[in-house]
PDB file of N, CA and C in Angstrom:
ATOM      1  N   UNK A   1      10.526  39.730  30.765  1.00  0.00           N
ATOM      2  CA  UNK A   1      10.594  38.828  31.718  1.00  0.00           C
ATOM      3  C   UNK A   1      11.010  37.634  31.082  1.00  0.00           C
ATOM      4  N   UNK A   2      11.901  36.848  31.288  1.00  0.00           N
ATOM      5  CA  UNK A   2      12.717  35.717  30.552  1.00  0.00           C
ATOM      6  C   UNK A   2      11.585  34.507  30.946  1.00  0.00           C
ATOM      7  N   UNK A   3      11.207  33.640  29.846  1.00  0.00           N
ATOM      8  CA  UNK A   3      10.966  32.400  30.062  1.00  0.00           C
ATOM      9  C   UNK A   3      11.657  31.410  30.896  1.00  0.00           C
ATOM     10  N   UNK A   4      10.926  30.519  31.460  1.00  0.00           N
ATOM     11  CA  UNK A   4      11.674  29.293  31.963  1.00  0.00           C
ATOM     12  C   UNK A   4      11.963  28.122  31.417  1.00  0.00           C
ATOM     13  N   UNK A   5      12.879  28.008  31.266  1.00  0.00           N
ATOM     14  CA  UNK A   5      13.253  26.389  30.425  1.00  0.00           C
ATOM     15  C   UNK A   5      12.275  25.246  31.711  1.00  0.00           C
ATOM     16  N   UNK A   6      11.527  24.749  30.897  1.00  0.00           N
ATOM     17  CA  UNK A   6      10.953  23.828  31.458  1.00  0.00           C
ATOM     18  C   UNK A   6      11.307  22.061  30.784  1.00  0.00           C
ATOM     19  N   UNK A   7      12.140  21.617  31.720  1.00  0.00           N
ATOM     20  CA  UNK A   7      12.803  20.360  31.001  1.00  0.00           C
ATOM     21  C   UNK A   7      11.749  19.427  31.189  1.00  0.00           C
ATOM     22  N   UNK A   8      10.535  19.203  31.591  1.00  0.00           N
ATOM     23  CA  UNK A   8       9.612  18.096  31.294  1.00  0.00           C
ATOM     24  C   UNK A   8       9.298  18.443  29.996  1.00  0.00           C
ATOM     25  N   UNK A   9       8.886  19.542  29.728  1.00  0.00           N
ATOM     26  CA  UNK A   9       8.346  19.556  28.615  1.00  0.00           C
ATOM     27  C   UNK A   9       9.533  19.185  26.834  1.00  0.00           C
ATOM     28  N   UNK A  10      10.566  19.911  27.162  1.00  0.00           N
ATOM     29  CA  UNK A  10      11.523  19.393  26.418  1.00  0.00           C
ATOM     30  C   UNK A  10      11.912  17.648  26.339  1.00  0.00           C
ATOM     31  N   UNK A  11      11.823  17.207  27.357  1.00  0.00           N
ATOM     32  CA  UNK A  11      11.863  15.808  27.180  1.00  0.00           C
ATOM     33  C   UNK A  11      10.631  15.220  26.822  1.00  0.00           C
ATOM     34  N   UNK A  12       9.592  15.607  26.930  1.00  0.00           N
ATOM     35  CA  UNK A  12       8.057  15.469  25.992  1.00  0.00           C
ATOM     36  C   UNK A  12       8.449  15.255  24.851  1.00  0.00           C
ATOM     37  N   UNK A  13       8.836  16.575  24.447  1.00  0.00           N
ATOM     38  CA  UNK A  13       9.186  16.831  22.861  1.00  0.00           C
ATOM     39  C   UNK A  13       9.961  16.008  22.533  1.00  0.00           C
ATOM     40  N   UNK A  14      11.203  15.601  22.790  1.00  0.00           N
ATOM     41  CA  UNK A  14      11.964  15.160  22.239  1.00  0.00           C
ATOM     42  C   UNK A  14      11.805  13.720  22.503  1.00  0.00           C
ATOM     43  N   UNK A  15      10.989  13.066  23.280  1.00  0.00           N
ATOM     44  CA  UNK A  15      10.673  11.488  23.078  1.00  0.00           C
ATOM     45  C   UNK A  15       9.573  11.352  22.128  1.00  0.00           C
ATOM     46  N   UNK A  16       8.621  12.882  21.823  1.00  0.00           N
ATOM     47  CA  UNK A  16       8.011  12.493  20.483  1.00  0.00           C
ATOM     48  C   UNK A  16       8.389  12.576  19.129  1.00  0.00           C
ATOM     49  N   UNK A  17       9.449  12.992  19.098  1.00  0.00           N
ATOM     50  CA  UNK A  17      10.335  13.208  17.842  1.00  0.00           C
ATOM     51  C   UNK A  17      11.208  11.963  17.957  1.00  0.00           C
ATOM     52  N   UNK A  18      11.848  11.519  18.677  1.00  0.00           N
ATOM     53  CA  UNK A  18      12.404  10.427  18.398  1.00  0.00           C
ATOM     54  C   UNK A  18      11.327   9.259  17.963  1.00  0.00           C
ATOM     55  N   UNK A  19      10.161   8.991  18.479  1.00  0.00           N
ATOM     56  CA  UNK A  19       8.985   8.069  18.115  1.00  0.00           C
ATOM     57  C   UNK A  19       8.850   8.108  16.810  1.00  0.00           C
ATOM     58  N   UNK A  20       8.430   9.262  16.407  1.00  0.00           N
ATOM     59  CA  UNK A  20       7.951   9.686  14.918  1.00  0.00           C
ATOM     60  C   UNK A  20       8.722   9.711  13.878  1.00  0.00           C
ATOM     61  N   UNK A  21      10.198  10.202  14.292  1.00  0.00           N
ATOM     62  CA  UNK A  21      11.023  10.478  12.845  1.00  0.00           C
ATOM     63  C   UNK A  21      11.586   9.126  12.569  1.00  0.00           C
ATOM     64  N   UNK A  22      11.547   7.889  12.996  1.00  0.00           N
ATOM     65  CA  UNK A  22      12.195   6.794  11.978  1.00  0.00           C
ATOM     66  C   UNK A  22      10.691   6.066  11.056  1.00  0.00           C
ATOM     67  N   UNK A  23       9.460   6.200  11.584  1.00  0.00           N
ATOM     68  CA  UNK A  23       8.310   5.877  10.627  1.00  0.00           C
ATOM     69  C   UNK A  23       8.636   6.143   9.279  1.00  0.00           C
ATOM     70  N   UNK A  24       8.990   7.113   8.603  1.00  0.00           N
ATOM     71  CA  UNK A  24       9.160   7.419   7.491  1.00  0.00           C
ATOM     72  C   UNK A  24      10.162   6.522   6.577  1.00  0.00           C
ATOM     73  N   UNK A  25      11.130   6.317   7.495  1.00  0.00           N
ATOM     74  CA  UNK A  25      12.082   5.472   6.896  1.00  0.00           C
ATOM     75  C   UNK A  25      11.734   3.960   6.777  1.00  0.00           C
ATOM     76  N   UNK A  26      10.723   3.856   7.326  1.00  0.00           N
ATOM     77  CA  UNK A  26      10.237   1.941   7.297  1.00  0.00           C
ATOM     78  C   UNK A  26       9.425   1.904   6.298  1.00  0.00           C
ATOM     79  N   UNK A  27       8.583   2.920   5.443  1.00  0.00           N
ATOM     80  CA  UNK A  27       7.649   2.792   4.328  1.00  0.00           C
ATOM     81  C   UNK A  27       8.419   2.317   3.223  1.00  0.00           C
ATOM     82  N   UNK A  28       8.014   1.481   2.136  1.00  0.00           N
ATOM     83  CA  UNK A  28       8.411   1.223   1.182  1.00  0.00           C
ATOM     84  C   UNK A  28       7.635   2.071  -0.211  1.00  0.00           C
ATOM     85  N   UNK A  29       8.433   1.794  -1.134  1.00  0.00           N
ATOM     86  CA  UNK A  29       7.752   2.703  -2.015  1.00  0.00           C
ATOM     87  C   UNK A  29       6.475   1.751  -2.700  1.00  0.00           C
ATOM     88  N   UNK A  30       5.412   2.764  -3.389  1.00  0.00           N
ATOM     89  CA  UNK A  30       4.330   1.898  -3.951  1.00  0.00           C
ATOM     90  C   UNK A  30       4.647   1.066  -5.207  1.00  0.00           C
ATOM     91  N   UNK A  31       4.128   0.324  -5.375  1.00  0.00           N
ATOM     92  CA  UNK A  31       4.484  -1.039  -6.969  1.00  0.00           C
ATOM     93  C   UNK A  31       3.775  -0.245  -7.761  1.00  0.00           C
ATOM     94  N   UNK A  32       4.324   0.052  -9.086  1.00  0.00           N
ATOM     95  CA  UNK A  32       3.344   0.408 -10.413  1.00  0.00           C
ATOM     96  C   UNK A  32       3.036  -0.704 -11.103  1.00  0.00           C
ATOM     97  N   UNK A  33       1.786  -0.518 -11.714  1.00  0.00           N
ATOM     98  CA  UNK A  33       0.924  -1.418 -12.505  1.00  0.00           C
ATOM     99  C   UNK A  33       0.946  -0.916 -14.024  1.00  0.00           C
ATOM    100  N   UNK A  34       0.692  -1.830 -14.693  1.00  0.00           N
ATOM    101  CA  UNK A  34       0.064  -1.734 -16.176  1.00  0.00           C
ATOM    102  C   UNK A  34      -1.507  -1.468 -16.062  1.00  0.00           C
ATOM    103  N   UNK A  35      -1.850  -0.445 -16.736  1.00  0.00           N
ATOM    104  CA  UNK A  35      -3.273  -0.451 -16.711  1.00  0.00           C
ATOM    105  C   UNK A  35      -3.363  -0.146 -18.407  1.00  0.00           C
ATOM    106  N   UNK A  36      -4.955  -1.025 -18.632  1.00  0.00           N
ATOM    107  CA  UNK A  36      -5.075  -1.003 -20.251  1.00  0.00           C
ATOM    108  C   UNK A  36      -6.327  -0.023 -20.554  1.00  0.00           C
ATOM    109  N   UNK A  37      -6.260   0.881 -21.223  1.00  0.00           N
ATOM    110  CA  UNK A  37      -7.604   1.307 -21.548  1.00  0.00           C
ATOM    111  C   UNK A  37      -8.885   0.608 -21.910  1.00  0.00           C
ATOM    112  N   UNK A  38      -9.555   0.849 -21.783  1.00  0.00           N
ATOM    113  CA  UNK A  38     -10.816   0.011 -22.513  1.00  0.00           C
ATOM    114  C   UNK A  38     -11.833   0.487 -23.544  1.00  0.00           C
ATOM    115  N   UNK A  39     -11.120   1.679 -23.796  1.00  0.00           N
ATOM    116  CA  UNK A  39     -11.638   2.403 -25.083  1.00  0.00           C
ATOM    117  C   UNK A  39     -11.022   2.041 -25.890  1.00  0.00           C
ATOM    118  N   UNK A  40      -9.608   2.140 -25.996  1.00  0.00           N
ATOM    119  CA  UNK A  40      -8.414   2.116 -27.334  1.00  0.00           C
ATOM    120  C   UNK A  40      -7.407   0.844 -27.372  1.00  0.00           C
ATOM    121  N   UNK A  41      -7.291   0.271 -25.940  1.00  0.00           N
ATOM    122  CA  UNK A  41      -6.285  -0.539 -25.735  1.00  0.00           C
ATOM    123  C   UNK A  41      -4.891  -0.126 -25.183  1.00  0.00           C
ATOM    124  N   UNK A  42      -4.494   1.499 -25.224  1.00  0.00           N
ATOM    125  CA  UNK A  42      -3.572   1.813 -24.659  1.00  0.00           C
ATOM    126  C   UNK A  42      -3.128   1.542 -23.321  1.00  0.00           C
ATOM    127  N   UNK A  43      -1.833   1.672 -23.060  1.00  0.00           N
ATOM    128  CA  UNK A  43      -1.370   1.246 -21.772  1.00  0.00           C
ATOM    129  C   UNK A  43      -0.589   2.073 -21.353  1.00  0.00           C
ATOM    130  N   UNK A  44      -0.854   2.260 -19.973  1.00  0.00           N
ATOM    131  CA  UNK A  44       0.014   3.302 -19.027  1.00  0.00           C
ATOM    132  C   UNK A  44       0.282   2.446 -17.928  1.00  0.00           C
ATOM    133  N   UNK A  45       1.534   2.834 -17.480  1.00  0.00           N
ATOM    134  CA  UNK A  45       2.345   2.220 -16.395  1.00  0.00           C
ATOM    135  C   UNK A  45       1.884   3.401 -15.025  1.00  0.00           C
ATOM    136  N   UNK A  46       1.169   3.382 -14.329  1.00  0.00           N
ATOM    137  CA  UNK A  46       1.199   4.017 -12.715  1.00  0.00           C
ATOM    138  C   UNK A  46       1.056   3.366 -11.560  1.00  0.00           C
ATOM    139  N   UNK A  47       0.845   4.046 -10.199  1.00  0.00           N
ATOM    140  CA  UNK A  47       1.168   3.369  -9.280  1.00  0.00           C
ATOM    141  C   UNK A  47      -0.463   3.261  -8.785  1.00  0.00           C
ATOM    142  N   UNK A  48      -1.394   3.853  -9.463  1.00  0.00           N
ATOM    143  CA  UNK A  48      -3.003   3.835  -9.112  1.00  0.00           C
ATOM    144  C   UNK A  48      -3.548   4.050 -10.441  1.00  0.00           C
ATOM    145  N   UNK A  49      -4.683   3.676 -10.192  1.00  0.00           N
ATOM    146  CA  UNK A  49      -5.877   3.816 -11.334  1.00  0.00           C
ATOM    147  C   UNK A  49      -5.786   4.765 -11.900  1.00  0.00           C
ATOM    148  N   UNK A  50      -5.799   5.120 -13.179  1.00  0.00           N
ATOM    149  CA  UNK A  50      -6.164   6.421 -13.712  1.00  0.00           C
ATOM    150  C   UNK A  50      -7.391   6.719 -14.142  1.00  0.00           C
ATOM    151  N   UNK A  51      -8.001   5.450 -13.951  1.00  0.00           N
ATOM    152  CA  UNK A  51     -10.260   6.023 -13.781  1.00  0.00           C
ATOM    153  C   UNK A  51     -10.604   4.573 -14.335  1.00  0.00           C
ATOM    154  N   UNK A  52     -11.668   4.669 -14.436  1.00  0.00           N
ATOM    155  CA  UNK A  52     -13.007   3.917 -14.614  1.00  0.00           C
ATOM    156  C   UNK A  52     -12.695   3.455 -15.730  1.00  0.00           C
ATOM    157  N   UNK A  53     -12.380   3.975 -16.848  1.00  0.00           N
ATOM    158  CA  UNK A  53     -12.281   2.755 -18.014  1.00  0.00           C
ATOM    159  C   UNK A  53     -11.079   2.517 -18.279  1.00  0.00           C
ATOM    160  N   UNK A  54     -10.284   2.063 -17.216  1.00  0.00           N
ATOM    161  CA  UNK A  54      -8.947   1.296 -17.422  1.00  0.00           C
ATOM    162  C   UNK A  54      -8.881   0.151 -16.462  1.00  0.00           C
ATOM    163  N   UNK A  55      -8.362  -1.049 -16.840  1.00  0.00           N
ATOM    164  CA  UNK A  55      -8.316  -1.842 -16.024  1.00  0.00           C
ATOM    165  C   UNK A  55      -6.865  -2.786 -15.841  1.00  0.00           C
ATOM    166  N   UNK A  56      -6.596  -3.122 -14.839  1.00  0.00           N
ATOM    167  CA  UNK A  56      -5.306  -3.811 -14.703  1.00  0.00           C
ATOM    168  C   UNK A  56      -4.688  -4.954 -15.539  1.00  0.00           C
ATOM    169  N   UNK A  57      -3.802  -4.561 -16.394  1.00  0.00           N
ATOM    170  CA  UNK A  57      -3.236  -5.433 -17.587  1.00  0.00           C
ATOM    171  C   UNK A  57      -1.993  -6.271 -16.358  1.00  0.00           C
ATOM    172  N   UNK A  58      -1.315  -5.927 -15.908  1.00  0.00           N
ATOM    173  CA  UNK A  58      -0.321  -6.735 -15.340  1.00  0.00           C
ATOM    174  C   UNK A  58       0.328  -5.657 -13.918  1.00  0.00           C
ATOM    175  N   UNK A  59       1.178  -6.532 -13.619  1.00  0.00           N
ATOM    176  CA  UNK A  59       2.015  -5.800 -12.295  1.00  0.00           C
ATOM    177  C   UNK A  59       2.243  -6.628 -10.959  1.00  0.00           C
ATOM    178  N   UNK A  60       2.611  -6.401 -10.042  1.00  0.00           N
ATOM    179  CA  UNK A  60       3.553  -4.910  -9.680  1.00  0.00           C
ATOM    180  C   UNK A  60       4.699  -5.050 -10.458  1.00  0.00           C
ATOM    181  N   UNK A  61       5.468  -4.027 -10.844  1.00  0.00           N
ATOM    182  CA  UNK A  61       6.554  -3.708 -11.342  1.00  0.00           C
ATOM    183  C   UNK A  61       7.323  -2.503  -9.998  1.00  0.00           C
ATOM    184  N   UNK A  62       8.809  -2.764 -10.248  1.00  0.00           N
ATOM    185  CA  UNK A  62       9.612  -1.827  -9.233  1.00  0.00           C
ATOM    186  C   UNK A  62       9.888  -0.319  -9.978  1.00  0.00           C
ATOM    187  N   UNK A  63       9.665  -0.545 -11.132  1.00  0.00           N
ATOM    188  CA  UNK A  63      10.133   1.125 -11.616  1.00  0.00           C
ATOM    189  C   UNK A  63       9.100   1.525 -12.720  1.00  0.00           C
ATOM    190  N   UNK A  64       9.361   3.091 -13.072  1.00  0.00           N
ATOM    191  CA  UNK A  64       8.222   3.591 -13.420  1.00  0.00           C
ATOM    192  C   UNK A  64       8.118   3.347 -14.813  1.00  0.00           C
ATOM    193  N   UNK A  65       8.702   2.609 -15.403  1.00  0.00           N
ATOM    194  CA  UNK A  65       8.741   1.956 -17.067  1.00  0.00           C
ATOM    195  C   UNK A  65       7.886   0.580 -17.261  1.00  0.00           C
ATOM    196  N   UNK A  66       7.745   0.268 -15.942  1.00  0.00           N
ATOM    197  CA  UNK A  66       6.954  -1.463 -15.771  1.00  0.00           C
ATOM    198  C   UNK A  66       7.804  -2.326 -16.487  1.00  0.00           C
ATOM    199  N   UNK A  67       9.119  -2.310 -16.129  1.00  0.00           N
ATOM    200  CA  UNK A  67      10.024  -3.363 -16.840  1.00  0.00           C
ATOM    201  C   UNK A  67      10.481  -4.327 -15.862  1.00  0.00           C
ATOM    202  N   UNK A  68      11.115  -3.834 -14.544  1.00  0.00           N
ATOM    203  CA  UNK A  68      10.986  -4.733 -13.526  1.00  0.00           C
ATOM    204  C   UNK A  68      10.577  -4.775 -12.865  1.00  0.00           C
ATOM    205  N   UNK A  69      10.323  -6.375 -12.580  1.00  0.00           N
ATOM    206  CA  UNK A  69       9.050  -7.080 -11.609  1.00  0.00           C
ATOM    207  C   UNK A  69       9.983  -7.000 -10.215  1.00  0.00           C
ATOM    208  N   UNK A  70       8.746  -7.076  -9.771  1.00  0.00           N
ATOM    209  CA  UNK A  70       9.032  -6.985  -8.033  1.00  0.00           C
ATOM    210  C   UNK A  70       8.967  -8.312  -7.606  1.00  0.00           C
ATOM    211  N   UNK A  71       9.919  -8.215  -6.603  1.00  0.00           N
ATOM    212  CA  UNK A  71      10.154  -9.408  -5.997  1.00  0.00           C
ATOM    213  C   UNK A  71       8.771  -9.868  -5.065  1.00  0.00           C
ATOM    214  N   UNK A  72       8.221 -10.921  -5.319  1.00  0.00           N
ATOM    215  CA  UNK A  72       7.303 -11.624  -4.540  1.00  0.00           C
ATOM    216  C   UNK A  72       7.443 -11.422  -3.073  1.00  0.00           C
ATOM    217  N   UNK A  73       6.346 -11.071  -2.063  1.00  0.00           N
ATOM    218  CA  UNK A  73       6.963 -11.043  -0.710  1.00  0.00           C
ATOM    219  C   UNK A  73       5.951 -12.018  -0.332  1.00  0.00           C
ATOM    220  N   UNK A  74       6.769 -13.090   0.310  1.00  0.00           N
ATOM    221  CA  UNK A  74       5.964 -14.536   1.278  1.00  0.00           C
ATOM    222  C   UNK A  74       6.421 -14.539   2.569  1.00  0.00           C
TER     223      UNK A  74
END
């Protein structure tokens, strides 16, 4: 037996895909921060805290080398 085409389901599926698809293109990349080790003073450029033994030193930056400062959003 051949399955029947259901236009209602196809329309709902298309509507769901159209509303969900543009969302990822609106997201901005996470900023990078310079973290300093509280144990030996070493620096690390990461997007999130490497752990409890690290404190935020500087940021936000736009690149993974922590050289290009991000423009402030006002």
